[in-house]
């Protein structure tokens, strides 16, 4: 749970820092319309093989993994894939790579998929789209890096 809270706070901090950075969006043609085959805003009840790993005290946010997931992003072997549903709708996703080689490969793959980042803060990279933000964040204290996806509209 501490990992989730830290990650959410880190994303919020980096997004706030982006306000002072150069303003432009990533190529709209590259905006992800889903996360690992699950559509943004899709209801949790329509997704098979989900296993809940965390639920907020209020019950409105839950994190899941999918037992059927192949933990690969491009050519990168992942440590984990997590799906966050808020009010039972997919709002966030996270791809985690562990170890320097896999972490560097995850950043390289993200750049090859999404193009030039729209903001960079230290070793964190952000691709801002109209409805989705994608952020690569190094977490050296956890010996991992995470590629976060955040669906912005709360429809």
C-alpha atoms as a PDB file:
ATOM      1  CA  UNK A   1       0.000   0.000   0.000  1.00  0.00           C
ATOM      2  CA  UNK A   2       2.869   2.391   0.760  1.00  0.00           C
ATOM      3  CA  UNK A   3       4.136   1.798  -2.788  1.00  0.00           C
ATOM      4  CA  UNK A   4       0.773   2.855  -4.223  1.00  0.00           C
ATOM      5  CA  UNK A   5       0.495   5.963  -2.054  1.00  0.00           C
ATOM      6  CA  UNK A   6       4.087   6.972  -2.834  1.00  0.00           C
ATOM      7  CA  UNK A   7       3.501   6.416  -6.549  1.00  0.00           C
ATOM      8  CA  UNK A   8       0.318   8.500  -6.602  1.00  0.00           C
ATOM      9  CA  UNK A   9       2.041  11.318  -4.708  1.00  0.00           C
ATOM     10  CA  UNK A  10       5.029  11.160  -7.053  1.00  0.00           C
ATOM     11  CA  UNK A  11       2.779  11.366 -10.105  1.00  0.00           C
ATOM     12  CA  UNK A  12       0.930  14.356  -8.623  1.00  0.00           C
ATOM     13  CA  UNK A  13       4.211  16.112  -7.814  1.00  0.00           C
ATOM     14  CA  UNK A  14       5.633  15.587 -11.277  1.00  0.00           C
ATOM     15  CA  UNK A  15       2.382  16.669 -12.925  1.00  0.00           C
ATOM     16  CA  UNK A  16       2.435  19.870 -10.873  1.00  0.00           C
ATOM     17  CA  UNK A  17       6.022  20.508 -11.948  1.00  0.00           C
ATOM     18  CA  UNK A  18       4.935  20.129 -15.549  1.00  0.00           C
ATOM     19  CA  UNK A  19       2.853  23.269 -15.247  1.00  0.00           C
ATOM     20  CA  UNK A  20       6.036  25.322 -15.364  1.00  0.00           C
ATOM     21  CA  UNK A  21       7.550  23.310 -18.217  1.00  0.00           C
ATOM     22  CA  UNK A  22       7.146  23.936 -21.922  1.00  0.00           C
ATOM     23  CA  UNK A  23       3.492  23.428 -22.873  1.00  0.00           C
ATOM     24  CA  UNK A  24       2.725  21.028 -25.686  1.00  0.00           C
ATOM     25  CA  UNK A  25       1.023  17.693 -26.141  1.00  0.00           C
ATOM     26  CA  UNK A  26       2.486  14.480 -27.463  1.00  0.00           C
ATOM     27  CA  UNK A  27       1.422  13.323 -30.925  1.00  0.00           C
ATOM     28  CA  UNK A  28      -2.357  12.672 -30.638  1.00  0.00           C
ATOM     29  CA  UNK A  29      -2.068   9.722 -33.024  1.00  0.00           C
ATOM     30  CA  UNK A  30       0.040   7.934 -30.375  1.00  0.00           C
ATOM     31  CA  UNK A  31      -2.364   8.438 -27.458  1.00  0.00           C
ATOM     32  CA  UNK A  32      -3.194   5.103 -25.803  1.00  0.00           C
ATOM     33  CA  UNK A  33      -6.893   4.272 -26.171  1.00  0.00           C
ATOM     34  CA  UNK A  34      -6.619   1.475 -23.611  1.00  0.00           C
ATOM     35  CA  UNK A  35      -4.290  -0.091 -21.094  1.00  0.00           C
ATOM     36  CA  UNK A  36      -3.204  -3.628 -21.884  1.00  0.00           C
ATOM     37  CA  UNK A  37      -6.383  -4.223 -23.879  1.00  0.00           C
ATOM     38  CA  UNK A  38      -8.795  -2.783 -21.292  1.00  0.00           C
ATOM     39  CA  UNK A  39     -10.524   0.403 -22.450  1.00  0.00           C
ATOM     40  CA  UNK A  40     -10.246   3.566 -20.378  1.00  0.00           C
ATOM     41  CA  UNK A  41     -13.368   3.849 -18.251  1.00  0.00           C
ATOM     42  CA  UNK A  42     -14.291   0.199 -18.843  1.00  0.00           C
ATOM     43  CA  UNK A  43     -16.239  -1.357 -15.962  1.00  0.00           C
ATOM     44  CA  UNK A  44     -14.358  -3.819 -13.761  1.00  0.00           C
ATOM     45  CA  UNK A  45     -17.214  -6.344 -14.068  1.00  0.00           C
ATOM     46  CA  UNK A  46     -16.471  -6.750 -17.781  1.00  0.00           C
ATOM     47  CA  UNK A  47     -12.818  -7.775 -17.327  1.00  0.00           C
ATOM     48  CA  UNK A  48     -11.938 -11.434 -16.820  1.00  0.00           C
ATOM     49  CA  UNK A  49      -9.172 -12.870 -14.644  1.00  0.00           C
ATOM     50  CA  UNK A  50      -8.713  -9.864 -12.330  1.00  0.00           C
ATOM     51  CA  UNK A  51      -7.338 -10.496  -8.844  1.00  0.00           C
ATOM     52  CA  UNK A  52      -7.746  -7.676  -6.328  1.00  0.00           C
ATOM     53  CA  UNK A  53      -4.522  -6.768  -4.492  1.00  0.00           C
ATOM     54  CA  UNK A  54      -5.612  -3.585  -2.715  1.00  0.00           C
ATOM     55  CA  UNK A  55      -8.816  -1.676  -1.918  1.00  0.00           C
ATOM     56  CA  UNK A  56      -8.988   1.788  -0.355  1.00  0.00           C
ATOM     57  CA  UNK A  57     -10.692   2.163   3.017  1.00  0.00           C
ATOM     58  CA  UNK A  58     -13.508   4.070   1.309  1.00  0.00           C
ATOM     59  CA  UNK A  59     -13.864   1.218  -1.188  1.00  0.00           C
ATOM     60  CA  UNK A  60     -13.963   3.473  -4.248  1.00  0.00           C
ATOM     61  CA  UNK A  61     -10.467   2.578  -5.498  1.00  0.00           C
ATOM     62  CA  UNK A  62      -9.141  -0.921  -6.112  1.00  0.00           C
ATOM     63  CA  UNK A  63      -5.914  -2.244  -7.611  1.00  0.00           C
ATOM     64  CA  UNK A  64      -5.860  -5.500  -9.543  1.00  0.00           C
ATOM     65  CA  UNK A  65      -3.520  -7.793 -11.426  1.00  0.00           C
ATOM     66  CA  UNK A  66      -4.642 -10.135 -14.189  1.00  0.00           C
ATOM     67  CA  UNK A  67      -3.673 -13.765 -13.856  1.00  0.00           C
ATOM     68  CA  UNK A  68      -3.609 -14.197 -17.645  1.00  0.00           C
ATOM     69  CA  UNK A  69      -1.225 -11.269 -18.325  1.00  0.00           C
ATOM     70  CA  UNK A  70       1.923 -11.879 -20.316  1.00  0.00           C
ATOM     71  CA  UNK A  71       4.339  -9.514 -18.581  1.00  0.00           C
ATOM     72  CA  UNK A  72       5.896  -8.061 -21.717  1.00  0.00           C
ATOM     73  CA  UNK A  73       5.838  -4.474 -23.061  1.00  0.00           C
ATOM     74  CA  UNK A  74       7.398  -4.410 -26.503  1.00  0.00           C
ATOM     75  CA  UNK A  75      10.535  -6.443 -25.886  1.00  0.00           C
ATOM     76  CA  UNK A  76      10.752  -5.609 -22.168  1.00  0.00           C
ATOM     77  CA  UNK A  77      10.123  -8.243 -19.514  1.00  0.00           C
ATOM     78  CA  UNK A  78       8.057  -6.697 -16.721  1.00  0.00           C
ATOM     79  CA  UNK A  79       7.962  -7.505 -13.043  1.00  0.00           C
ATOM     80  CA  UNK A  80       4.294  -6.555 -12.709  1.00  0.00           C
ATOM     81  CA  UNK A  81       1.269  -4.995 -14.384  1.00  0.00           C
ATOM     82  CA  UNK A  82      -1.317  -3.287 -12.177  1.00  0.00           C
ATOM     83  CA  UNK A  83      -4.750  -1.920 -13.022  1.00  0.00           C
ATOM     84  CA  UNK A  84      -6.419   0.736 -10.861  1.00  0.00           C
ATOM     85  CA  UNK A  85     -10.180   1.082 -10.999  1.00  0.00           C
ATOM     86  CA  UNK A  86     -11.867   4.082  -9.408  1.00  0.00           C
ATOM     87  CA  UNK A  87     -15.599   3.713  -8.868  1.00  0.00           C
ATOM     88  CA  UNK A  88     -15.264   0.438 -10.818  1.00  0.00           C
ATOM     89  CA  UNK A  89     -13.893   2.172 -13.954  1.00  0.00           C
ATOM     90  CA  UNK A  90     -10.326   1.761 -15.295  1.00  0.00           C
ATOM     91  CA  UNK A  91      -8.473   5.015 -14.559  1.00  0.00           C
ATOM     92  CA  UNK A  92      -4.809   4.061 -14.122  1.00  0.00           C
ATOM     93  CA  UNK A  93      -2.293   1.431 -15.059  1.00  0.00           C
ATOM     94  CA  UNK A  94       1.297   0.675 -14.113  1.00  0.00           C
ATOM     95  CA  UNK A  95       4.024  -1.371 -15.784  1.00  0.00           C
ATOM     96  CA  UNK A  96       6.926  -2.134 -13.439  1.00  0.00           C
ATOM     97  CA  UNK A  97      10.428  -3.214 -14.454  1.00  0.00           C
ATOM     98  CA  UNK A  98      13.127  -4.217 -11.976  1.00  0.00           C
ATOM     99  CA  UNK A  99      16.871  -3.987 -12.485  1.00  0.00           C
ATOM    100  CA  UNK A 100      18.868  -1.389 -14.404  1.00  0.00           C
ATOM    101  CA  UNK A 101      18.802  -3.192 -17.756  1.00  0.00           C
ATOM    102  CA  UNK A 102      15.036  -3.772 -17.737  1.00  0.00           C
ATOM    103  CA  UNK A 103      14.372  -0.241 -16.432  1.00  0.00           C
ATOM    104  CA  UNK A 104      16.441   1.341 -19.213  1.00  0.00           C
ATOM    105  CA  UNK A 105      14.717  -0.890 -21.759  1.00  0.00           C
ATOM    106  CA  UNK A 106      11.288   0.210 -20.426  1.00  0.00           C
ATOM    107  CA  UNK A 107      12.195   3.884 -20.904  1.00  0.00           C
ATOM    108  CA  UNK A 108      13.546   3.185 -24.381  1.00  0.00           C
ATOM    109  CA  UNK A 109      10.393   1.249 -25.337  1.00  0.00           C
ATOM    110  CA  UNK A 110       8.121   4.015 -24.007  1.00  0.00           C
ATOM    111  CA  UNK A 111      10.035   6.604 -26.061  1.00  0.00           C
ATOM    112  CA  UNK A 112       9.805   4.445 -29.175  1.00  0.00           C
ATOM    113  CA  UNK A 113       6.033   4.001 -28.694  1.00  0.00           C
ATOM    114  CA  UNK A 114       5.090   7.554 -27.601  1.00  0.00           C
ATOM    115  CA  UNK A 115       7.790   9.687 -29.242  1.00  0.00           C
ATOM    116  CA  UNK A 116       9.485  12.651 -27.642  1.00  0.00           C
ATOM    117  CA  UNK A 117       8.430  13.307 -24.064  1.00  0.00           C
ATOM    118  CA  UNK A 118       6.512  16.503 -23.356  1.00  0.00           C
ATOM    119  CA  UNK A 119       8.252  17.095 -20.034  1.00  0.00           C
ATOM    120  CA  UNK A 120      11.231  15.782 -18.133  1.00  0.00           C
ATOM    121  CA  UNK A 121      11.919  16.277 -14.448  1.00  0.00           C
ATOM    122  CA  UNK A 122      15.178  14.629 -13.415  1.00  0.00           C
ATOM    123  CA  UNK A 123      14.867  11.018 -14.533  1.00  0.00           C
ATOM    124  CA  UNK A 124      11.076  11.184 -14.854  1.00  0.00           C
ATOM    125  CA  UNK A 125       9.605  11.510 -18.346  1.00  0.00           C
ATOM    126  CA  UNK A 126       6.038  12.524 -19.168  1.00  0.00           C
ATOM    127  CA  UNK A 127       4.030  12.174 -22.351  1.00  0.00           C
ATOM    128  CA  UNK A 128       0.963  14.405 -22.065  1.00  0.00           C
ATOM    129  CA  UNK A 129      -1.923  13.589 -24.362  1.00  0.00           C
ATOM    130  CA  UNK A 130      -5.465  14.960 -24.435  1.00  0.00           C
ATOM    131  CA  UNK A 131      -7.065  12.271 -22.245  1.00  0.00           C
ATOM    132  CA  UNK A 132      -4.108  10.232 -20.984  1.00  0.00           C
ATOM    133  CA  UNK A 133      -0.803  11.044 -19.327  1.00  0.00           C
ATOM    134  CA  UNK A 134       2.005   8.500 -19.458  1.00  0.00           C
ATOM    135  CA  UNK A 135       4.893   8.887 -17.026  1.00  0.00           C
ATOM    136  CA  UNK A 136       8.122   6.953 -16.656  1.00  0.00           C
ATOM    137  CA  UNK A 137       9.461   7.219 -13.122  1.00  0.00           C
ATOM    138  CA  UNK A 138      12.626   5.750 -11.643  1.00  0.00           C
ATOM    139  CA  UNK A 139      12.252   4.496  -8.085  1.00  0.00           C
ATOM    140  CA  UNK A 140      15.842   3.703  -7.053  1.00  0.00           C
ATOM    141  CA  UNK A 141      14.893   3.056  -3.418  1.00  0.00           C
ATOM    142  CA  UNK A 142      12.733   0.164  -4.682  1.00  0.00           C
ATOM    143  CA  UNK A 143      15.214  -0.920  -7.403  1.00  0.00           C
ATOM    144  CA  UNK A 144      12.546  -0.439 -10.060  1.00  0.00           C
ATOM    145  CA  UNK A 145      11.060   1.895 -12.620  1.00  0.00           C
ATOM    146  CA  UNK A 146       7.383   2.278 -13.406  1.00  0.00           C
ATOM    147  CA  UNK A 147       5.542   3.399 -16.522  1.00  0.00           C
ATOM    148  CA  UNK A 148       2.330   4.967 -15.166  1.00  0.00           C
ATOM    149  CA  UNK A 149      -0.790   5.597 -17.240  1.00  0.00           C
ATOM    150  CA  UNK A 150      -3.447   8.003 -15.976  1.00  0.00           C
ATOM    151  CA  UNK A 151      -6.787   8.489 -17.687  1.00  0.00           C
ATOM    152  CA  UNK A 152      -7.748  12.104 -17.047  1.00  0.00           C
ATOM    153  CA  UNK A 153     -11.495  12.394 -17.836  1.00  0.00           C
ATOM    154  CA  UNK A 154     -13.705  11.231 -14.999  1.00  0.00           C
ATOM    155  CA  UNK A 155     -16.744  10.380 -17.137  1.00  0.00           C
END
